[in-house]
Amino acid sequence: MKRMHGLNEAPIRHAIAANGGNDLPDGFLDFAGLRTRVPLSERTLRNLLANGVIPHIRVPGGRRILFDWPSVEKS
């Protein structure tokens, strides 16, 4: 199972646990936020995620995916 995709997981997990898991840690986007910044279709973005082109982290215990915008811009 892939959990990490180009990001350091420990600080992200800690930030999510600290705020109860409801809000995004500072500097991170969810999928909806990524879609507003990247002019690609949802299907194309999901294909890029599946192929490991876009760095992301899948939050443990759920289906949530987070993106560090500076890392996404570099990819």
PDB file of N, CA and C in Angstrom:
ATOM      1  N   MET A   1       0.842  -1.184   0.000  1.00  0.00           N
ATOM      2  CA  MET A   1       0.000   0.000   0.000  1.00  0.00           C
ATOM      3  C   MET A   1       0.882   1.240   0.000  1.00  0.00           C
ATOM      4  N   LYS A   2       0.658   2.136  -0.920  1.00  0.00           N
ATOM      5  CA  LYS A   2       1.423   3.371  -0.987  1.00  0.00           C
ATOM      6  C   LYS A   2       0.839   4.374  -0.001  1.00  0.00           C
ATOM      7  N   ARG A   3       1.699   4.931   0.851  1.00  0.00           N
ATOM      8  CA  ARG A   3       1.228   5.936   1.805  1.00  0.00           C
ATOM      9  C   ARG A   3       1.927   7.265   1.590  1.00  0.00           C
ATOM     10  N   MET A   4       3.180   7.214   1.214  1.00  0.00           N
ATOM     11  CA  MET A   4       3.962   8.429   1.049  1.00  0.00           C
ATOM     12  C   MET A   4       4.339   8.606  -0.409  1.00  0.00           C
ATOM     13  N   HIS A   5       4.225   9.819  -0.873  1.00  0.00           N
ATOM     14  CA  HIS A   5       4.559  10.112  -2.256  1.00  0.00           C
ATOM     15  C   HIS A   5       5.306  11.426  -2.323  1.00  0.00           C
ATOM     16  N   GLY A   6       6.546  11.417  -1.861  1.00  0.00           N
ATOM     17  CA  GLY A   6       7.391  12.594  -1.993  1.00  0.00           C
ATOM     18  C   GLY A   6       7.323  13.586  -0.850  1.00  0.00           C
ATOM     19  N   LEU A   7       6.605  13.293   0.222  1.00  0.00           N
ATOM     20  CA  LEU A   7       6.498  14.222   1.344  1.00  0.00           C
ATOM     21  C   LEU A   7       6.881  13.527   2.641  1.00  0.00           C
ATOM     22  N   ASN A   8       7.351  14.307   3.612  1.00  0.00           N
ATOM     23  CA  ASN A   8       7.677  13.768   4.930  1.00  0.00           C
ATOM     24  C   ASN A   8       6.384  13.608   5.716  1.00  0.00           C
ATOM     25  N   GLU A   9       6.050  12.400   6.073  1.00  0.00           N
ATOM     26  CA  GLU A   9       4.756  12.074   6.665  1.00  0.00           C
ATOM     27  C   GLU A   9       4.601  12.516   8.123  1.00  0.00           C
ATOM     28  N   ALA A  10       5.639  12.438   8.951  1.00  0.00           N
ATOM     29  CA  ALA A  10       5.504  12.655  10.394  1.00  0.00           C
ATOM     30  C   ALA A  10       4.934  14.028  10.758  1.00  0.00           C
ATOM     31  N   PRO A  11       5.452  15.155  10.247  1.00  0.00           N
ATOM     32  CA  PRO A  11       4.881  16.444  10.632  1.00  0.00           C
ATOM     33  C   PRO A  11       3.434  16.608  10.183  1.00  0.00           C
ATOM     34  N   ILE A  12       3.081  16.022   9.058  1.00  0.00           N
ATOM     35  CA  ILE A  12       1.718  16.135   8.549  1.00  0.00           C
ATOM     36  C   ILE A  12       0.765  15.375   9.453  1.00  0.00           C
ATOM     37  N   ARG A  13       1.131  14.150   9.821  1.00  0.00           N
ATOM     38  CA  ARG A  13       0.285  13.356  10.719  1.00  0.00           C
ATOM     39  C   ARG A  13       0.098  14.063  12.044  1.00  0.00           C
ATOM     40  N   HIS A  14       1.174  14.670  12.576  1.00  0.00           N
ATOM     41  CA  HIS A  14       1.090  15.371  13.850  1.00  0.00           C
ATOM     42  C   HIS A  14       0.151  16.577  13.742  1.00  0.00           C
ATOM     43  N   ALA A  15       0.257  17.331  12.673  1.00  0.00           N
ATOM     44  CA  ALA A  15      -0.596  18.514  12.501  1.00  0.00           C
ATOM     45  C   ALA A  15      -2.063  18.131  12.373  1.00  0.00           C
ATOM     46  N   ILE A  16      -2.337  17.039  11.689  1.00  0.00           N
ATOM     47  CA  ILE A  16      -3.718  16.591  11.539  1.00  0.00           C
ATOM     48  C   ILE A  16      -4.274  16.122  12.876  1.00  0.00           C
ATOM     49  N   ALA A  17      -3.481  15.382  13.621  1.00  0.00           N
ATOM     50  CA  ALA A  17      -3.930  14.908  14.934  1.00  0.00           C
ATOM     51  C   ALA A  17      -4.138  16.077  15.889  1.00  0.00           C
ATOM     52  N   ALA A  18      -3.289  17.093  15.815  1.00  0.00           N
ATOM     53  CA  ALA A  18      -3.376  18.231  16.724  1.00  0.00           C
ATOM     54  C   ALA A  18      -4.653  19.033  16.528  1.00  0.00           C
ATOM     55  N   ASN A  19      -5.159  19.084  15.303  1.00  0.00           N
ATOM     56  CA  ASN A  19      -6.373  19.876  15.080  1.00  0.00           C
ATOM     57  C   ASN A  19      -7.614  18.999  14.948  1.00  0.00           C
ATOM     58  N   GLY A  20      -7.535  17.775  15.390  1.00  0.00           N
ATOM     59  CA  GLY A  20      -8.692  16.892  15.402  1.00  0.00           C
ATOM     60  C   GLY A  20      -8.987  16.230  14.074  1.00  0.00           C
ATOM     61  N   GLY A  21      -8.131  16.447  13.083  1.00  0.00           N
ATOM     62  CA  GLY A  21      -8.327  15.813  11.794  1.00  0.00           C
ATOM     63  C   GLY A  21      -9.328  16.496  10.891  1.00  0.00           C
ATOM     64  N   ASN A  22      -9.915  17.609  11.331  1.00  0.00           N
ATOM     65  CA  ASN A  22     -10.954  18.264  10.542  1.00  0.00           C
ATOM     66  C   ASN A  22     -10.421  19.335   9.607  1.00  0.00           C
ATOM     67  N   ASP A  23      -9.421  20.078  10.038  1.00  0.00           N
ATOM     68  CA  ASP A  23      -8.885  21.165   9.234  1.00  0.00           C
ATOM     69  C   ASP A  23      -7.592  20.736   8.568  1.00  0.00           C
ATOM     70  N   LEU A  24      -7.237  21.465   7.519  1.00  0.00           N
ATOM     71  CA  LEU A  24      -5.984  21.174   6.832  1.00  0.00           C
ATOM     72  C   LEU A  24      -4.826  21.824   7.567  1.00  0.00           C
ATOM     73  N   PRO A  25      -3.690  21.146   7.632  1.00  0.00           N
ATOM     74  CA  PRO A  25      -2.497  21.779   8.202  1.00  0.00           C
ATOM     75  C   PRO A  25      -2.094  22.966   7.334  1.00  0.00           C
ATOM     76  N   ASP A  26      -1.439  23.948   7.924  1.00  0.00           N
ATOM     77  CA  ASP A  26      -1.011  25.131   7.180  1.00  0.00           C
ATOM     78  C   ASP A  26      -0.164  24.729   5.983  1.00  0.00           C
ATOM     79  N   GLY A  27      -0.443  25.340   4.846  1.00  0.00           N
ATOM     80  CA  GLY A  27       0.343  25.110   3.646  1.00  0.00           C
ATOM     81  C   GLY A  27      -0.082  23.914   2.817  1.00  0.00           C
ATOM     82  N   PHE A  28      -1.128  23.208   3.224  1.00  0.00           N
ATOM     83  CA  PHE A  28      -1.565  22.030   2.484  1.00  0.00           C
ATOM     84  C   PHE A  28      -2.915  22.264   1.833  1.00  0.00           C
ATOM     85  N   LEU A  29      -3.127  21.583   0.730  1.00  0.00           N
ATOM     86  CA  LEU A  29      -4.387  21.653  -0.010  1.00  0.00           C
ATOM     87  C   LEU A  29      -5.036  20.279  -0.016  1.00  0.00           C
ATOM     88  N   ASP A  30      -6.361  20.259  -0.079  1.00  0.00           N
ATOM     89  CA  ASP A  30      -7.049  18.997  -0.330  1.00  0.00           C
ATOM     90  C   ASP A  30      -7.269  18.892  -1.836  1.00  0.00           C
ATOM     91  N   PHE A  31      -7.957  17.871  -2.290  1.00  0.00           N
ATOM     92  CA  PHE A  31      -8.125  17.669  -3.729  1.00  0.00           C
ATOM     93  C   PHE A  31      -8.899  18.816  -4.369  1.00  0.00           C
ATOM     94  N   ALA A  32      -9.929  19.304  -3.689  1.00  0.00           N
ATOM     95  CA  ALA A  32     -10.713  20.424  -4.233  1.00  0.00           C
ATOM     96  C   ALA A  32      -9.838  21.667  -4.384  1.00  0.00           C
ATOM     97  N   GLY A  33      -8.969  21.924  -3.405  1.00  0.00           N
ATOM     98  CA  GLY A  33      -8.065  23.065  -3.487  1.00  0.00           C
ATOM     99  C   GLY A  33      -7.069  22.923  -4.618  1.00  0.00           C
ATOM    100  N   LEU A  34      -6.593  21.702  -4.827  1.00  0.00           N
ATOM    101  CA  LEU A  34      -5.668  21.451  -5.930  1.00  0.00           C
ATOM    102  C   LEU A  34      -6.353  21.715  -7.268  1.00  0.00           C
ATOM    103  N   ARG A  35      -7.586  21.287  -7.395  1.00  0.00           N
ATOM    104  CA  ARG A  35      -8.325  21.480  -8.655  1.00  0.00           C
ATOM    105  C   ARG A  35      -8.510  22.951  -8.984  1.00  0.00           C
ATOM    106  N   THR A  36      -8.619  23.799  -7.969  1.00  0.00           N
ATOM    107  CA  THR A  36      -8.779  25.224  -8.244  1.00  0.00           C
ATOM    108  C   THR A  36      -7.481  25.863  -8.736  1.00  0.00           C
ATOM    109  N   ARG A  37      -6.339  25.252  -8.426  1.00  0.00           N
ATOM    110  CA  ARG A  37      -5.043  25.818  -8.812  1.00  0.00           C
ATOM    111  C   ARG A  37      -4.427  25.190 -10.057  1.00  0.00           C
ATOM    112  N   VAL A  38      -4.876  24.011 -10.428  1.00  0.00           N
ATOM    113  CA  VAL A  38      -4.294  23.319 -11.575  1.00  0.00           C
ATOM    114  C   VAL A  38      -5.359  23.218 -12.671  1.00  0.00           C
ATOM    115  N   PRO A  39      -5.073  23.755 -13.855  1.00  0.00           N
ATOM    116  CA  PRO A  39      -6.085  23.778 -14.928  1.00  0.00           C
ATOM    117  C   PRO A  39      -6.188  22.461 -15.695  1.00  0.00           C
ATOM    118  N   LEU A  40      -6.421  21.373 -14.969  1.00  0.00           N
ATOM    119  CA  LEU A  40      -6.588  20.061 -15.580  1.00  0.00           C
ATOM    120  C   LEU A  40      -7.898  19.456 -15.100  1.00  0.00           C
ATOM    121  N   SER A  41      -8.419  18.520 -15.860  1.00  0.00           N
ATOM    122  CA  SER A  41      -9.662  17.865 -15.456  1.00  0.00           C
ATOM    123  C   SER A  41      -9.424  16.985 -14.229  1.00  0.00           C
ATOM    124  N   GLU A  42     -10.512  16.667 -13.544  1.00  0.00           N
ATOM    125  CA  GLU A  42     -10.410  15.795 -12.366  1.00  0.00           C
ATOM    126  C   GLU A  42      -9.826  14.439 -12.759  1.00  0.00           C
ATOM    127  N   ARG A  43     -10.250  13.915 -13.881  1.00  0.00           N
ATOM    128  CA  ARG A  43      -9.753  12.610 -14.322  1.00  0.00           C
ATOM    129  C   ARG A  43      -8.243  12.639 -14.573  1.00  0.00           C
ATOM    130  N   THR A  44      -7.760  13.700 -15.218  1.00  0.00           N
ATOM    131  CA  THR A  44      -6.331  13.824 -15.485  1.00  0.00           C
ATOM    132  C   THR A  44      -5.551  13.918 -14.182  1.00  0.00           C
ATOM    133  N   LEU A  45      -6.049  14.719 -13.224  1.00  0.00           N
ATOM    134  CA  LEU A  45      -5.372  14.840 -11.933  1.00  0.00           C
ATOM    135  C   LEU A  45      -5.314  13.493 -11.220  1.00  0.00           C
ATOM    136  N   ARG A  46      -6.404  12.758 -11.240  1.00  0.00           N
ATOM    137  CA  ARG A  46      -6.425  11.443 -10.577  1.00  0.00           C
ATOM    138  C   ARG A  46      -5.459  10.466 -11.256  1.00  0.00           C
ATOM    139  N   ASN A  47      -5.350  10.535 -12.569  1.00  0.00           N
ATOM    140  CA  ASN A  47      -4.382   9.689 -13.280  1.00  0.00           C
ATOM    141  C   ASN A  47      -2.950  10.065 -12.896  1.00  0.00           C
ATOM    142  N   LEU A  48      -2.668  11.365 -12.800  1.00  0.00           N
ATOM    143  CA  LEU A  48      -1.338  11.815 -12.402  1.00  0.00           C
ATOM    144  C   LEU A  48      -1.016  11.364 -10.977  1.00  0.00           C
ATOM    145  N   LEU A  49      -2.002  11.394 -10.092  1.00  0.00           N
ATOM    146  CA  LEU A  49      -1.811  10.896  -8.724  1.00  0.00           C
ATOM    147  C   LEU A  49      -1.500   9.410  -8.729  1.00  0.00           C
ATOM    148  N   ALA A  50      -2.283   8.659  -9.475  1.00  0.00           N
ATOM    149  CA  ALA A  50      -2.112   7.207  -9.518  1.00  0.00           C
ATOM    150  C   ALA A  50      -0.741   6.814 -10.076  1.00  0.00           C
ATOM    151  N   ASN A  51      -0.211   7.640 -10.969  1.00  0.00           N
ATOM    152  CA  ASN A  51       1.092   7.351 -11.576  1.00  0.00           C
ATOM    153  C   ASN A  51       2.254   7.970 -10.810  1.00  0.00           C
ATOM    154  N   GLY A  52       1.980   8.625  -9.685  1.00  0.00           N
ATOM    155  CA  GLY A  52       3.034   9.183  -8.851  1.00  0.00           C
ATOM    156  C   GLY A  52       3.666  10.453  -9.384  1.00  0.00           C
ATOM    157  N   VAL A  53       3.007  11.130 -10.305  1.00  0.00           N
ATOM    158  CA  VAL A  53       3.560  12.357 -10.888  1.00  0.00           C
ATOM    159  C   VAL A  53       3.400  13.544  -9.937  1.00  0.00           C
ATOM    160  N   ILE A  54       2.289  13.598  -9.226  1.00  0.00           N
ATOM    161  CA  ILE A  54       2.017  14.690  -8.290  1.00  0.00           C
ATOM    162  C   ILE A  54       2.322  14.201  -6.876  1.00  0.00           C
ATOM    163  N   PRO A  55       3.240  14.889  -6.153  1.00  0.00           N
ATOM    164  CA  PRO A  55       3.553  14.470  -4.776  1.00  0.00           C
ATOM    165  C   PRO A  55       2.352  14.706  -3.853  1.00  0.00           C
ATOM    166  N   HIS A  56       2.057  13.714  -3.029  1.00  0.00           N
ATOM    167  CA  HIS A  56       0.903  13.804  -2.132  1.00  0.00           C
ATOM    168  C   HIS A  56       1.080  12.834  -0.974  1.00  0.00           C
ATOM    169  N   ILE A  57       0.203  12.977  -0.006  1.00  0.00           N
ATOM    170  CA  ILE A  57       0.168  12.040   1.103  1.00  0.00           C
ATOM    171  C   ILE A  57      -1.280  11.636   1.340  1.00  0.00           C
ATOM    172  N   ARG A  58      -1.475  10.349   1.510  1.00  0.00           N
ATOM    173  CA  ARG A  58      -2.795   9.825   1.854  1.00  0.00           C
ATOM    174  C   ARG A  58      -2.854   9.745   3.377  1.00  0.00           C
ATOM    175  N   VAL A  59      -3.806  10.450   3.972  1.00  0.00           N
ATOM    176  CA  VAL A  59      -3.906  10.527   5.421  1.00  0.00           C
ATOM    177  C   VAL A  59      -4.311   9.170   5.975  1.00  0.00           C
ATOM    178  N   PRO A  60      -3.551   8.653   6.959  1.00  0.00           N
ATOM    179  CA  PRO A  60      -3.879   7.345   7.546  1.00  0.00           C
ATOM    180  C   PRO A  60      -5.283   7.330   8.147  1.00  0.00           C
ATOM    181  N   GLY A  61      -5.970   6.238   7.970  1.00  0.00           N
ATOM    182  CA  GLY A  61      -7.293   6.067   8.552  1.00  0.00           C
ATOM    183  C   GLY A  61      -8.411   6.693   7.747  1.00  0.00           C
ATOM    184  N   GLY A  62      -8.136   7.087   6.526  1.00  0.00           N
ATOM    185  CA  GLY A  62      -9.180   7.700   5.725  1.00  0.00           C
ATOM    186  C   GLY A  62      -8.825   7.739   4.260  1.00  0.00           C
ATOM    187  N   ARG A  63      -9.674   8.389   3.504  1.00  0.00           N
ATOM    188  CA  ARG A  63      -9.473   8.479   2.063  1.00  0.00           C
ATOM    189  C   ARG A  63      -8.909   9.839   1.663  1.00  0.00           C
ATOM    190  N   ARG A  64      -8.660  10.680   2.622  1.00  0.00           N
ATOM    191  CA  ARG A  64      -8.217  12.041   2.364  1.00  0.00           C
ATOM    192  C   ARG A  64      -6.793  12.074   1.809  1.00  0.00           C
ATOM    193  N   ILE A  65      -6.596  12.924   0.807  1.00  0.00           N
ATOM    194  CA  ILE A  65      -5.289  13.127   0.204  1.00  0.00           C
ATOM    195  C   ILE A  65      -4.929  14.595   0.370  1.00  0.00           C
ATOM    196  N   LEU A  66      -3.696  14.857   0.795  1.00  0.00           N
ATOM    197  CA  LEU A  66      -3.226  16.228   0.965  1.00  0.00           C
ATOM    198  C   LEU A  66      -2.062  16.510   0.032  1.00  0.00           C
ATOM    199  N   PHE A  67      -1.946  17.775  -0.345  1.00  0.00           N
ATOM    200  CA  PHE A  67      -0.908  18.221  -1.264  1.00  0.00           C
ATOM    201  C   PHE A  67      -0.190  19.420  -0.671  1.00  0.00           C
ATOM    202  N   ASP A  68       1.130  19.394  -0.724  1.00  0.00           N
ATOM    203  CA  ASP A  68       1.955  20.540  -0.343  1.00  0.00           C
ATOM    204  C   ASP A  68       2.169  21.335  -1.627  1.00  0.00           C
ATOM    205  N   TRP A  69       1.588  22.541  -1.703  1.00  0.00           N
ATOM    206  CA  TRP A  69       1.586  23.289  -2.949  1.00  0.00           C
ATOM    207  C   TRP A  69       2.992  23.539  -3.517  1.00  0.00           C
ATOM    208  N   PRO A  70       3.985  23.968  -2.730  1.00  0.00           N
ATOM    209  CA  PRO A  70       5.327  24.148  -3.302  1.00  0.00           C
ATOM    210  C   PRO A  70       5.888  22.860  -3.923  1.00  0.00           C
ATOM    211  N   SER A  71       5.615  21.711  -3.313  1.00  0.00           N
ATOM    212  CA  SER A  71       6.069  20.444  -3.880  1.00  0.00           C
ATOM    213  C   SER A  71       5.350  20.114  -5.190  1.00  0.00           C
ATOM    214  N   VAL A  72       4.078  20.449  -5.251  1.00  0.00           N
ATOM    215  CA  VAL A  72       3.303  20.208  -6.476  1.00  0.00           C
ATOM    216  C   VAL A  72       3.828  21.096  -7.591  1.00  0.00           C
ATOM    217  N   GLU A  73       4.122  22.362  -7.275  1.00  0.00           N
ATOM    218  CA  GLU A  73       4.635  23.285  -8.291  1.00  0.00           C
ATOM    219  C   GLU A  73       5.968  22.805  -8.871  1.00  0.00           C
ATOM    220  N   LYS A  74       6.800  22.194  -8.047  1.00  0.00           N
ATOM    221  CA  LYS A  74       8.106  21.710  -8.495  1.00  0.00           C
ATOM    222  C   LYS A  74       8.006  20.465  -9.367  1.00  0.00           C
ATOM    223  N   SER A  75       6.906  19.720  -9.227  1.00  0.00           N
ATOM    224  CA  SER A  75       6.804  18.459  -9.963  1.00  0.00           C
ATOM    225  C   SER A  75       6.376  18.676 -11.403  1.00  0.00           C
TER     226      SER A  75
END
